[in-house]
């Protein structure tokens, strides 16, 4: 597979009448296969970018 979108779309086209839960399960099964390691790395990178928050710097000032 060339991308996660391609993988997702291929599953949807193969199972057009199935529920979203079924499609997600099939997608997860495919992502776990060794030959899809590059897609897993891509997914982890996207998740890291989406959910990484820069720590806020505390402002220094008079606290007393």
N, C-alpha and C. Protein backbone atom coordinates (compact mmCIF):
# COMPACT_ATOMS: atom_id res chain seq x y z
N UNK A 1 0.85 -1.18 0.00
CA UNK A 1 0.00 0.00 0.00
C UNK A 1 0.89 1.24 0.00
N UNK A 2 0.42 2.26 -0.67
CA UNK A 2 1.24 3.45 -0.75
C UNK A 2 0.95 4.46 0.35
N UNK A 3 -0.26 4.41 0.90
CA UNK A 3 -0.57 5.34 1.97
C UNK A 3 -1.71 4.79 2.83
N UNK A 4 -1.87 5.41 3.97
CA UNK A 4 -2.98 5.01 4.84
C UNK A 4 -4.32 5.29 4.16
N UNK A 5 -4.40 6.39 3.42
CA UNK A 5 -5.64 6.70 2.71
C UNK A 5 -5.97 5.62 1.69
N UNK A 6 -4.94 5.16 0.96
CA UNK A 6 -5.16 4.10 -0.02
C UNK A 6 -5.65 2.83 0.66
N UNK A 7 -5.04 2.49 1.78
CA UNK A 7 -5.44 1.30 2.52
C UNK A 7 -6.90 1.43 2.97
N UNK A 8 -7.22 2.56 3.58
CA UNK A 8 -8.59 2.80 4.06
C UNK A 8 -9.59 2.70 2.91
N UNK A 9 -9.28 3.40 1.81
CA UNK A 9 -10.20 3.42 0.67
C UNK A 9 -10.37 2.04 0.05
N UNK A 10 -9.31 1.25 0.03
CA UNK A 10 -9.43 -0.10 -0.53
C UNK A 10 -10.34 -0.97 0.33
N UNK A 11 -10.25 -0.82 1.64
CA UNK A 11 -11.12 -1.59 2.54
C UNK A 11 -12.57 -1.16 2.37
N UNK A 12 -12.79 0.15 2.29
CA UNK A 12 -14.15 0.65 2.11
C UNK A 12 -14.73 0.16 0.79
N UNK A 13 -13.91 0.16 -0.26
CA UNK A 13 -14.44 -0.28 -1.56
C UNK A 13 -14.70 -1.78 -1.59
N UNK A 14 -13.92 -2.54 -0.83
CA UNK A 14 -14.14 -3.99 -0.76
C UNK A 14 -15.35 -4.35 0.10
N UNK A 15 -15.70 -3.49 1.04
CA UNK A 15 -16.79 -3.76 1.99
C UNK A 15 -17.72 -2.54 2.08
N UNK A 16 -18.36 -2.17 0.97
CA UNK A 16 -19.14 -0.91 0.95
C UNK A 16 -20.35 -0.90 1.87
N UNK A 17 -20.86 -2.05 2.24
CA UNK A 17 -22.07 -2.08 3.06
C UNK A 17 -21.80 -2.33 4.54
N UNK A 18 -20.54 -2.35 4.92
CA UNK A 18 -20.19 -2.63 6.30
C UNK A 18 -20.18 -1.35 7.14
N UNK A 19 -20.25 -1.55 8.45
CA UNK A 19 -20.25 -0.42 9.38
C UNK A 19 -18.86 0.20 9.50
N UNK A 20 -18.82 1.40 10.03
CA UNK A 20 -17.55 2.06 10.29
C UNK A 20 -16.69 1.27 11.25
N UNK A 21 -17.32 0.63 12.23
CA UNK A 21 -16.59 -0.19 13.19
C UNK A 21 -15.90 -1.36 12.49
N UNK A 22 -16.61 -2.00 11.56
CA UNK A 22 -16.03 -3.11 10.80
C UNK A 22 -14.84 -2.61 9.98
N UNK A 23 -15.00 -1.47 9.29
CA UNK A 23 -13.93 -0.91 8.47
C UNK A 23 -12.72 -0.59 9.33
N UNK A 24 -12.95 0.01 10.48
CA UNK A 24 -11.86 0.34 11.39
C UNK A 24 -11.13 -0.91 11.85
N UNK A 25 -11.87 -1.97 12.16
CA UNK A 25 -11.26 -3.23 12.59
C UNK A 25 -10.38 -3.79 11.47
N UNK A 26 -10.88 -3.80 10.25
CA UNK A 26 -10.10 -4.31 9.10
C UNK A 26 -8.86 -3.45 8.88
N UNK A 27 -9.02 -2.14 9.00
CA UNK A 27 -7.89 -1.22 8.84
C UNK A 27 -6.83 -1.52 9.89
N UNK A 28 -7.26 -1.71 11.13
CA UNK A 28 -6.33 -2.01 12.22
C UNK A 28 -5.60 -3.32 11.96
N UNK A 29 -6.33 -4.33 11.52
CA UNK A 29 -5.71 -5.63 11.20
C UNK A 29 -4.65 -5.46 10.12
N UNK A 30 -4.95 -4.68 9.09
CA UNK A 30 -3.98 -4.47 8.01
C UNK A 30 -2.76 -3.69 8.49
N UNK A 31 -2.98 -2.70 9.33
CA UNK A 31 -1.87 -1.89 9.84
C UNK A 31 -0.92 -2.71 10.70
N UNK A 32 -1.42 -3.77 11.33
CA UNK A 32 -0.60 -4.60 12.21
C UNK A 32 0.29 -5.57 11.43
N UNK A 33 0.06 -5.75 10.15
CA UNK A 33 0.85 -6.68 9.35
C UNK A 33 2.26 -6.15 9.18
N UNK A 34 3.25 -7.06 9.22
CA UNK A 34 4.65 -6.63 9.10
C UNK A 34 4.93 -5.82 7.82
N UNK A 35 4.27 -6.17 6.73
CA UNK A 35 4.55 -5.46 5.48
C UNK A 35 4.05 -4.01 5.49
N UNK A 36 3.29 -3.63 6.51
CA UNK A 36 2.79 -2.27 6.62
C UNK A 36 3.52 -1.47 7.70
N UNK A 37 4.73 -1.86 8.00
CA UNK A 37 5.51 -1.17 9.03
C UNK A 37 5.72 0.31 8.69
N UNK A 38 5.91 0.62 7.42
CA UNK A 38 6.11 2.01 7.01
C UNK A 38 4.85 2.83 7.27
N UNK A 39 3.70 2.23 7.04
CA UNK A 39 2.43 2.93 7.32
C UNK A 39 2.25 3.15 8.81
N UNK A 40 2.66 2.19 9.62
CA UNK A 40 2.58 2.36 11.08
C UNK A 40 3.45 3.51 11.53
N UNK A 41 4.67 3.58 11.00
CA UNK A 41 5.56 4.69 11.35
C UNK A 41 4.93 6.03 10.95
N UNK A 42 4.31 6.07 9.78
CA UNK A 42 3.64 7.28 9.33
C UNK A 42 2.50 7.65 10.28
N UNK A 43 1.74 6.65 10.70
CA UNK A 43 0.63 6.89 11.63
C UNK A 43 1.14 7.42 12.96
N UNK A 44 2.20 6.80 13.48
CA UNK A 44 2.76 7.25 14.75
C UNK A 44 3.27 8.68 14.64
N UNK A 45 3.89 9.01 13.50
CA UNK A 45 4.40 10.36 13.31
C UNK A 45 3.25 11.37 13.28
N UNK A 46 2.17 11.02 12.57
CA UNK A 46 1.01 11.92 12.52
C UNK A 46 0.39 12.11 13.90
N UNK A 47 0.30 11.03 14.65
CA UNK A 47 -0.24 11.14 16.01
C UNK A 47 0.65 12.01 16.89
N UNK A 48 1.95 11.80 16.77
CA UNK A 48 2.88 12.59 17.57
C UNK A 48 2.76 14.08 17.23
N UNK A 49 2.64 14.38 15.94
CA UNK A 49 2.50 15.78 15.55
C UNK A 49 1.17 16.37 16.02
N UNK A 50 0.14 15.56 15.99
CA UNK A 50 -1.20 16.04 16.35
C UNK A 50 -1.34 16.27 17.86
N UNK A 51 -0.72 15.41 18.65
CA UNK A 51 -0.97 15.44 20.08
C UNK A 51 0.20 15.93 20.91
N UNK A 52 1.27 16.38 20.27
CA UNK A 52 2.40 16.91 21.01
C UNK A 52 2.14 18.38 21.32
N UNK A 53 2.27 18.70 22.57
CA UNK A 53 2.08 20.08 22.99
C UNK A 53 3.38 20.59 23.57
N UNK A 54 3.76 21.75 23.11
CA UNK A 54 4.95 22.39 23.68
C UNK A 54 4.63 22.78 25.12
N UNK A 55 5.52 22.47 26.04
CA UNK A 55 5.26 22.90 27.42
C UNK A 55 5.27 24.43 27.49
N UNK A 56 4.32 24.96 28.21
CA UNK A 56 4.26 26.40 28.36
C UNK A 56 5.32 26.84 29.35
N UNK A 57 6.01 27.89 28.97
CA UNK A 57 7.03 28.41 29.87
C UNK A 57 6.36 29.26 30.92
N UNK A 58 6.77 29.04 32.15
CA UNK A 58 6.21 29.83 33.23
C UNK A 58 6.81 31.22 33.19
N UNK A 59 5.95 32.20 33.35
CA UNK A 59 6.42 33.56 33.35
C UNK A 59 7.07 33.86 34.70
N UNK A 60 8.23 34.49 34.61
CA UNK A 60 8.89 34.87 35.83
C UNK A 60 8.37 36.23 36.27
N UNK A 61 8.12 36.36 37.52
CA UNK A 61 7.63 37.65 38.00
C UNK A 61 7.69 37.69 39.51
N UNK A 62 7.21 38.76 40.03
CA UNK A 62 7.18 38.88 41.49
C UNK A 62 6.04 38.06 42.03
N UNK A 63 6.36 37.11 42.90
CA UNK A 63 5.32 36.29 43.47
C UNK A 63 5.17 36.59 44.95
N UNK A 64 5.72 37.58 45.41
CA UNK A 64 5.68 37.71 46.83
C UNK A 64 5.48 39.04 47.34
